[in-house]
Amino acid sequence: MTNMEEFEKIISLSNEYEANLMDEILNDRKIPHGIVTAVDSVFGGIEQMEYGWGYLEAPEKYRDEIIAIYNDIEKK
């Protein structure tokens, strides 16, 4: 059995640009994460209208660092 860390929702993402930028930064810093989109063609994007573009998930121990990175890019 592998020692996999449990992921949880850390931040909501507004669009694909934010997702790609966060993905690039977190990969550079070797922070494990996943990006989950609310886009679902079966429902014609209803979830995206209600819940936003998607969210970023990661282990809890990275929460503060990820939020700080996100807040920093939001200021620019």
PDB file of N, CA and C in Angstrom:
ATOM      1  N   MET A   1       0.848  -1.183   0.000  1.00  0.00           N
ATOM      2  CA  MET A   1       0.000   0.000   0.000  1.00  0.00           C
ATOM      3  C   MET A   1       0.890   1.242   0.000  1.00  0.00           C
ATOM      4  N   THR A   2       0.578   2.194  -0.882  1.00  0.00           N
ATOM      5  CA  THR A   2       1.369   3.423  -0.967  1.00  0.00           C
ATOM      6  C   THR A   2       0.894   4.438   0.055  1.00  0.00           C
ATOM      7  N   ASN A   3       1.780   5.355   0.407  1.00  0.00           N
ATOM      8  CA  ASN A   3       1.454   6.402   1.365  1.00  0.00           C
ATOM      9  C   ASN A   3       0.948   7.630   0.601  1.00  0.00           C
ATOM     10  N   MET A   4      -0.309   7.584   0.199  1.00  0.00           N
ATOM     11  CA  MET A   4      -0.884   8.691  -0.569  1.00  0.00           C
ATOM     12  C   MET A   4      -1.544   9.688   0.382  1.00  0.00           C
ATOM     13  N   GLU A   5      -1.262  10.960   0.118  1.00  0.00           N
ATOM     14  CA  GLU A   5      -1.863  12.000   0.930  1.00  0.00           C
ATOM     15  C   GLU A   5      -3.285  12.262   0.448  1.00  0.00           C
ATOM     16  N   GLU A   6      -4.153  12.568   1.388  1.00  0.00           N
ATOM     17  CA  GLU A   6      -5.531  12.867   1.054  1.00  0.00           C
ATOM     18  C   GLU A   6      -5.639  14.312   0.569  1.00  0.00           C
ATOM     19  N   PHE A   7      -6.337  14.503  -0.543  1.00  0.00           N
ATOM     20  CA  PHE A   7      -6.527  15.828  -1.104  1.00  0.00           C
ATOM     21  C   PHE A   7      -7.869  16.394  -0.645  1.00  0.00           C
ATOM     22  N   GLU A   8      -7.910  17.716  -0.503  1.00  0.00           N
ATOM     23  CA  GLU A   8      -9.170  18.390  -0.193  1.00  0.00           C
ATOM     24  C   GLU A   8      -9.227  19.705  -0.958  1.00  0.00           C
ATOM     25  N   LYS A   9     -10.427  20.222  -1.122  1.00  0.00           N
ATOM     26  CA  LYS A   9     -10.603  21.475  -1.861  1.00  0.00           C
ATOM     27  C   LYS A   9      -9.915  22.603  -1.098  1.00  0.00           C
ATOM     28  N   ILE A  10      -9.071  23.369  -1.814  1.00  0.00           N
ATOM     29  CA  ILE A  10      -8.328  24.464  -1.199  1.00  0.00           C
ATOM     30  C   ILE A  10      -8.874  25.813  -1.670  1.00  0.00           C
ATOM     31  N   ILE A  11      -8.992  25.998  -2.990  1.00  0.00           N
ATOM     32  CA  ILE A  11      -9.498  27.257  -3.536  1.00  0.00           C
ATOM     33  C   ILE A  11     -10.410  26.985  -4.732  1.00  0.00           C
ATOM     34  N   SER A  12     -11.335  27.915  -4.974  1.00  0.00           N
ATOM     35  CA  SER A  12     -12.154  27.888  -6.186  1.00  0.00           C
ATOM     36  C   SER A  12     -11.406  28.640  -7.278  1.00  0.00           C
ATOM     37  N   LEU A  13     -11.572  28.181  -8.494  1.00  0.00           N
ATOM     38  CA  LEU A  13     -10.923  28.805  -9.642  1.00  0.00           C
ATOM     39  C   LEU A  13     -11.984  29.409 -10.559  1.00  0.00           C
ATOM     40  N   SER A  14     -11.693  30.593 -11.080  1.00  0.00           N
ATOM     41  CA  SER A  14     -12.667  31.310 -11.905  1.00  0.00           C
ATOM     42  C   SER A  14     -12.617  30.935 -13.378  1.00  0.00           C
ATOM     43  N   ASN A  15     -11.440  30.498 -13.841  1.00  0.00           N
ATOM     44  CA  ASN A  15     -11.315  30.223 -15.265  1.00  0.00           C
ATOM     45  C   ASN A  15     -10.083  29.355 -15.540  1.00  0.00           C
ATOM     46  N   GLU A  16      -9.937  28.985 -16.797  1.00  0.00           N
ATOM     47  CA  GLU A  16      -8.837  28.110 -17.194  1.00  0.00           C
ATOM     48  C   GLU A  16      -7.483  28.805 -17.048  1.00  0.00           C
ATOM     49  N   TYR A  17      -7.441  30.115 -17.266  1.00  0.00           N
ATOM     50  CA  TYR A  17      -6.182  30.863 -17.117  1.00  0.00           C
ATOM     51  C   TYR A  17      -5.652  30.737 -15.686  1.00  0.00           C
ATOM     52  N   GLU A  18      -6.527  30.977 -14.692  1.00  0.00           N
ATOM     53  CA  GLU A  18      -6.122  30.827 -13.283  1.00  0.00           C
ATOM     54  C   GLU A  18      -5.640  29.407 -13.011  1.00  0.00           C
ATOM     55  N   ALA A  19      -6.376  28.445 -13.533  1.00  0.00           N
ATOM     56  CA  ALA A  19      -6.021  27.038 -13.315  1.00  0.00           C
ATOM     57  C   ALA A  19      -4.643  26.729 -13.878  1.00  0.00           C
ATOM     58  N   ASN A  20      -4.375  27.176 -15.102  1.00  0.00           N
ATOM     59  CA  ASN A  20      -3.082  26.906 -15.729  1.00  0.00           C
ATOM     60  C   ASN A  20      -1.943  27.597 -14.990  1.00  0.00           C
ATOM     61  N   LEU A  21      -2.166  28.835 -14.561  1.00  0.00           N
ATOM     62  CA  LEU A  21      -1.129  29.574 -13.837  1.00  0.00           C
ATOM     63  C   LEU A  21      -0.819  28.905 -12.497  1.00  0.00           C
ATOM     64  N   MET A  22      -1.851  28.553 -11.745  1.00  0.00           N
ATOM     65  CA  MET A  22      -1.638  27.871 -10.466  1.00  0.00           C
ATOM     66  C   MET A  22      -0.957  26.523 -10.680  1.00  0.00           C
ATOM     67  N   ASP A  23      -1.367  25.793 -11.691  1.00  0.00           N
ATOM     68  CA  ASP A  23      -0.771  24.496 -11.988  1.00  0.00           C
ATOM     69  C   ASP A  23       0.726  24.646 -12.253  1.00  0.00           C
ATOM     70  N   GLU A  24       1.087  25.632 -13.054  1.00  0.00           N
ATOM     71  CA  GLU A  24       2.494  25.860 -13.382  1.00  0.00           C
ATOM     72  C   GLU A  24       3.314  26.217 -12.138  1.00  0.00           C
ATOM     73  N   ILE A  25       2.793  27.121 -11.317  1.00  0.00           N
ATOM     74  CA  ILE A  25       3.508  27.544 -10.105  1.00  0.00           C
ATOM     75  C   ILE A  25       3.662  26.384  -9.125  1.00  0.00           C
ATOM     76  N   LEU A  26       2.582  25.647  -8.904  1.00  0.00           N
ATOM     77  CA  LEU A  26       2.631  24.542  -7.938  1.00  0.00           C
ATOM     78  C   LEU A  26       3.525  23.408  -8.443  1.00  0.00           C
ATOM     79  N   ASN A  27       3.531  23.166  -9.744  1.00  0.00           N
ATOM     80  CA  ASN A  27       4.451  22.160 -10.297  1.00  0.00           C
ATOM     81  C   ASN A  27       5.900  22.592 -10.080  1.00  0.00           C
ATOM     82  N   ASP A  28       6.182  23.877 -10.327  1.00  0.00           N
ATOM     83  CA  ASP A  28       7.543  24.392 -10.114  1.00  0.00           C
ATOM     84  C   ASP A  28       7.994  24.214  -8.672  1.00  0.00           C
ATOM     85  N   ARG A  29       7.066  24.367  -7.744  1.00  0.00           N
ATOM     86  CA  ARG A  29       7.385  24.244  -6.315  1.00  0.00           C
ATOM     87  C   ARG A  29       7.224  22.813  -5.794  1.00  0.00           C
ATOM     88  N   LYS A  30       6.882  21.920  -6.698  1.00  0.00           N
ATOM     89  CA  LYS A  30       6.700  20.501  -6.359  1.00  0.00           C
ATOM     90  C   LYS A  30       5.654  20.282  -5.261  1.00  0.00           C
ATOM     91  N   ILE A  31       4.564  21.048  -5.355  1.00  0.00           N
ATOM     92  CA  ILE A  31       3.446  20.910  -4.424  1.00  0.00           C
ATOM     93  C   ILE A  31       2.404  20.013  -5.087  1.00  0.00           C
ATOM     94  N   PRO A  32       2.102  18.869  -4.480  1.00  0.00           N
ATOM     95  CA  PRO A  32       1.106  17.974  -5.076  1.00  0.00           C
ATOM     96  C   PRO A  32      -0.270  18.644  -5.094  1.00  0.00           C
ATOM     97  N   HIS A  33      -0.976  18.499  -6.200  1.00  0.00           N
ATOM     98  CA  HIS A  33      -2.282  19.143  -6.335  1.00  0.00           C
ATOM     99  C   HIS A  33      -3.052  18.521  -7.490  1.00  0.00           C
ATOM    100  N   GLY A  34      -4.310  18.859  -7.551  1.00  0.00           N
ATOM    101  CA  GLY A  34      -5.162  18.454  -8.660  1.00  0.00           C
ATOM    102  C   GLY A  34      -6.106  19.596  -8.980  1.00  0.00           C
ATOM    103  N   ILE A  35      -6.515  19.677 -10.226  1.00  0.00           N
ATOM    104  CA  ILE A  35      -7.468  20.697 -10.640  1.00  0.00           C
ATOM    105  C   ILE A  35      -8.706  19.968 -11.144  1.00  0.00           C
ATOM    106  N   VAL A  36      -9.849  20.331 -10.574  1.00  0.00           N
ATOM    107  CA  VAL A  36     -11.115  19.696 -10.908  1.00  0.00           C
ATOM    108  C   VAL A  36     -12.007  20.753 -11.545  1.00  0.00           C
ATOM    109  N   THR A  37     -12.485  20.477 -12.756  1.00  0.00           N
ATOM    110  CA  THR A  37     -13.362  21.437 -13.422  1.00  0.00           C
ATOM    111  C   THR A  37     -14.822  21.057 -13.204  1.00  0.00           C
ATOM    112  N   ALA A  38     -15.668  22.055 -13.268  1.00  0.00           N
ATOM    113  CA  ALA A  38     -17.109  21.837 -13.139  1.00  0.00           C
ATOM    114  C   ALA A  38     -17.751  21.677 -14.509  1.00  0.00           C
ATOM    115  N   VAL A  39     -16.921  21.655 -15.544  1.00  0.00           N
ATOM    116  CA  VAL A  39     -17.436  21.526 -16.908  1.00  0.00           C
ATOM    117  C   VAL A  39     -17.899  20.091 -17.120  1.00  0.00           C
ATOM    118  N   ASP A  40     -19.129  19.941 -17.523  1.00  0.00           N
ATOM    119  CA  ASP A  40     -19.674  18.611 -17.792  1.00  0.00           C
ATOM    120  C   ASP A  40     -20.615  18.723 -18.994  1.00  0.00           C
ATOM    121  N   SER A  41     -20.206  18.178 -20.107  1.00  0.00           N
ATOM    122  CA  SER A  41     -20.988  18.321 -21.330  1.00  0.00           C
ATOM    123  C   SER A  41     -22.358  17.659 -21.239  1.00  0.00           C
ATOM    124  N   VAL A  42     -22.522  16.673 -20.375  1.00  0.00           N
ATOM    125  CA  VAL A  42     -23.809  15.999 -20.228  1.00  0.00           C
ATOM    126  C   VAL A  42     -24.893  16.971 -19.768  1.00  0.00           C
ATOM    127  N   PHE A  43     -24.518  17.899 -18.890  1.00  0.00           N
ATOM    128  CA  PHE A  43     -25.495  18.846 -18.363  1.00  0.00           C
ATOM    129  C   PHE A  43     -25.388  20.221 -19.012  1.00  0.00           C
ATOM    130  N   GLY A  44     -24.623  20.341 -20.063  1.00  0.00           N
ATOM    131  CA  GLY A  44     -24.548  21.581 -20.817  1.00  0.00           C
ATOM    132  C   GLY A  44     -23.954  22.756 -20.053  1.00  0.00           C
ATOM    133  N   GLY A  45     -23.084  22.507 -19.081  1.00  0.00           N
ATOM    134  CA  GLY A  45     -22.434  23.595 -18.360  1.00  0.00           C
ATOM    135  C   GLY A  45     -23.230  24.163 -17.214  1.00  0.00           C
ATOM    136  N   ILE A  46     -24.318  23.516 -16.816  1.00  0.00           N
ATOM    137  CA  ILE A  46     -25.141  24.017 -15.703  1.00  0.00           C
ATOM    138  C   ILE A  46     -24.323  24.103 -14.429  1.00  0.00           C
ATOM    139  N   GLU A  47     -23.491  23.099 -14.154  1.00  0.00           N
ATOM    140  CA  GLU A  47     -22.678  23.104 -12.942  1.00  0.00           C
ATOM    141  C   GLU A  47     -21.708  24.274 -12.948  1.00  0.00           C
ATOM    142  N   GLN A  48     -21.154  24.587 -14.122  1.00  0.00           N
ATOM    143  CA  GLN A  48     -20.200  25.687 -14.220  1.00  0.00           C
ATOM    144  C   GLN A  48     -20.883  27.010 -13.887  1.00  0.00           C
ATOM    145  N   MET A  49     -22.091  27.193 -14.332  1.00  0.00           N
ATOM    146  CA  MET A  49     -22.827  28.428 -14.027  1.00  0.00           C
ATOM    147  C   MET A  49     -23.101  28.532 -12.530  1.00  0.00           C
ATOM    148  N   GLU A  50     -23.398  27.416 -11.903  1.00  0.00           N
ATOM    149  CA  GLU A  50     -23.764  27.417 -10.488  1.00  0.00           C
ATOM    150  C   GLU A  50     -22.563  27.400  -9.553  1.00  0.00           C
ATOM    151  N   TYR A  51     -21.500  26.658  -9.911  1.00  0.00           N
ATOM    152  CA  TYR A  51     -20.383  26.443  -9.000  1.00  0.00           C
ATOM    153  C   TYR A  51     -19.075  27.118  -9.417  1.00  0.00           C
ATOM    154  N   GLY A  52     -19.043  27.781 -10.558  1.00  0.00           N
ATOM    155  CA  GLY A  52     -17.800  28.371 -11.029  1.00  0.00           C
ATOM    156  C   GLY A  52     -17.058  27.422 -11.946  1.00  0.00           C
ATOM    157  N   TRP A  53     -15.871  27.824 -12.381  1.00  0.00           N
ATOM    158  CA  TRP A  53     -15.125  27.037 -13.344  1.00  0.00           C
ATOM    159  C   TRP A  53     -14.627  25.723 -12.754  1.00  0.00           C
ATOM    160  N   GLY A  54     -14.161  25.768 -11.525  1.00  0.00           N
ATOM    161  CA  GLY A  54     -13.640  24.558 -10.893  1.00  0.00           C
ATOM    162  C   GLY A  54     -12.912  24.886  -9.607  1.00  0.00           C
ATOM    163  N   TYR A  55     -12.079  23.961  -9.152  1.00  0.00           N
ATOM    164  CA  TYR A  55     -11.334  24.191  -7.920  1.00  0.00           C
ATOM    165  C   TYR A  55     -10.010  23.447  -7.940  1.00  0.00           C
ATOM    166  N   LEU A  56      -9.143  23.865  -7.025  1.00  0.00           N
ATOM    167  CA  LEU A  56      -7.838  23.255  -6.854  1.00  0.00           C
ATOM    168  C   LEU A  56      -7.862  22.472  -5.548  1.00  0.00           C
ATOM    169  N   GLU A  57      -7.381  21.246  -5.598  1.00  0.00           N
ATOM    170  CA  GLU A  57      -7.315  20.420  -4.397  1.00  0.00           C
ATOM    171  C   GLU A  57      -5.874  20.014  -4.139  1.00  0.00           C
ATOM    172  N   ALA A  58      -5.565  19.833  -2.858  1.00  0.00           N
ATOM    173  CA  ALA A  58      -4.209  19.474  -2.441  1.00  0.00           C
ATOM    174  C   ALA A  58      -4.267  18.971  -0.996  1.00  0.00           C
ATOM    175  N   PRO A  59      -3.154  18.408  -0.507  1.00  0.00           N
ATOM    176  CA  PRO A  59      -3.113  18.024   0.904  1.00  0.00           C
ATOM    177  C   PRO A  59      -3.245  19.256   1.810  1.00  0.00           C
ATOM    178  N   GLU A  60      -3.889  19.091   2.923  1.00  0.00           N
ATOM    179  CA  GLU A  60      -4.155  20.168   3.881  1.00  0.00           C
ATOM    180  C   GLU A  60      -2.894  20.926   4.280  1.00  0.00           C
ATOM    181  N   LYS A  61      -1.775  20.229   4.410  1.00  0.00           N
ATOM    182  CA  LYS A  61      -0.553  20.888   4.891  1.00  0.00           C
ATOM    183  C   LYS A  61      -0.049  21.976   3.939  1.00  0.00           C
ATOM    184  N   TYR A  62      -0.530  22.001   2.702  1.00  0.00           N
ATOM    185  CA  TYR A  62      -0.127  23.030   1.734  1.00  0.00           C
ATOM    186  C   TYR A  62      -1.138  24.173   1.618  1.00  0.00           C
ATOM    187  N   ARG A  63      -2.232  24.104   2.373  1.00  0.00           N
ATOM    188  CA  ARG A  63      -3.323  25.082   2.253  1.00  0.00           C
ATOM    189  C   ARG A  63      -2.835  26.528   2.341  1.00  0.00           C
ATOM    190  N   ASP A  64      -2.134  26.886   3.383  1.00  0.00           N
ATOM    191  CA  ASP A  64      -1.708  28.273   3.586  1.00  0.00           C
ATOM    192  C   ASP A  64      -0.794  28.751   2.460  1.00  0.00           C
ATOM    193  N   GLU A  65       0.122  27.897   2.033  1.00  0.00           N
ATOM    194  CA  GLU A  65       1.045  28.267   0.963  1.00  0.00           C
ATOM    195  C   GLU A  65       0.296  28.481  -0.357  1.00  0.00           C
ATOM    196  N   ILE A  66      -0.644  27.596  -0.657  1.00  0.00           N
ATOM    197  CA  ILE A  66      -1.417  27.715  -1.898  1.00  0.00           C
ATOM    198  C   ILE A  66      -2.284  28.969  -1.877  1.00  0.00           C
ATOM    199  N   ILE A  67      -2.922  29.238  -0.764  1.00  0.00           N
ATOM    200  CA  ILE A  67      -3.757  30.439  -0.655  1.00  0.00           C
ATOM    201  C   ILE A  67      -2.906  31.696  -0.811  1.00  0.00           C
ATOM    202  N   ALA A  68      -1.726  31.703  -0.222  1.00  0.00           N
ATOM    203  CA  ALA A  68      -0.830  32.864  -0.359  1.00  0.00           C
ATOM    204  C   ALA A  68      -0.416  33.064  -1.812  1.00  0.00           C
ATOM    205  N   ILE A  69      -0.107  31.982  -2.517  1.00  0.00           N
ATOM    206  CA  ILE A  69       0.260  32.067  -3.930  1.00  0.00           C
ATOM    207  C   ILE A  69      -0.921  32.605  -4.737  1.00  0.00           C
ATOM    208  N   TYR A  70      -2.095  32.067  -4.485  1.00  0.00           N
ATOM    209  CA  TYR A  70      -3.292  32.506  -5.211  1.00  0.00           C
ATOM    210  C   TYR A  70      -3.579  33.986  -4.953  1.00  0.00           C
ATOM    211  N   ASN A  71      -3.504  34.393  -3.710  1.00  0.00           N
ATOM    212  CA  ASN A  71      -3.749  35.806  -3.387  1.00  0.00           C
ATOM    213  C   ASN A  71      -2.728  36.703  -4.062  1.00  0.00           C
ATOM    214  N   ASP A  72      -1.492  36.244  -4.163  1.00  0.00           N
ATOM    215  CA  ASP A  72      -0.448  37.025  -4.803  1.00  0.00           C
ATOM    216  C   ASP A  72      -0.738  37.205  -6.295  1.00  0.00           C
ATOM    217  N   ILE A  73      -1.171  36.151  -6.977  1.00  0.00           N
ATOM    218  CA  ILE A  73      -1.448  36.293  -8.411  1.00  0.00           C
ATOM    219  C   ILE A  73      -2.728  37.089  -8.648  1.00  0.00           C
ATOM    220  N   GLU A  74      -3.644  37.075  -7.708  1.00  0.00           N
ATOM    221  CA  GLU A  74      -4.878  37.850  -7.839  1.00  0.00           C
ATOM    222  C   GLU A  74      -4.599  39.356  -7.773  1.00  0.00           C
ATOM    223  N   LYS A  75      -3.557  39.742  -7.068  1.00  0.00           N
ATOM    224  CA  LYS A  75      -3.194  41.159  -6.930  1.00  0.00           C
ATOM    225  C   LYS A  75      -2.618  41.724  -8.213  1.00  0.00           C
ATOM    226  N   LYS A  76      -2.078  40.851  -9.065  1.00  0.00           N
ATOM    227  CA  LYS A  76      -1.385  41.304 -10.292  1.00  0.00           C
ATOM    228  C   LYS A  76      -2.329  41.525 -11.438  1.00  0.00           C
TER     229      LYS A  76
END
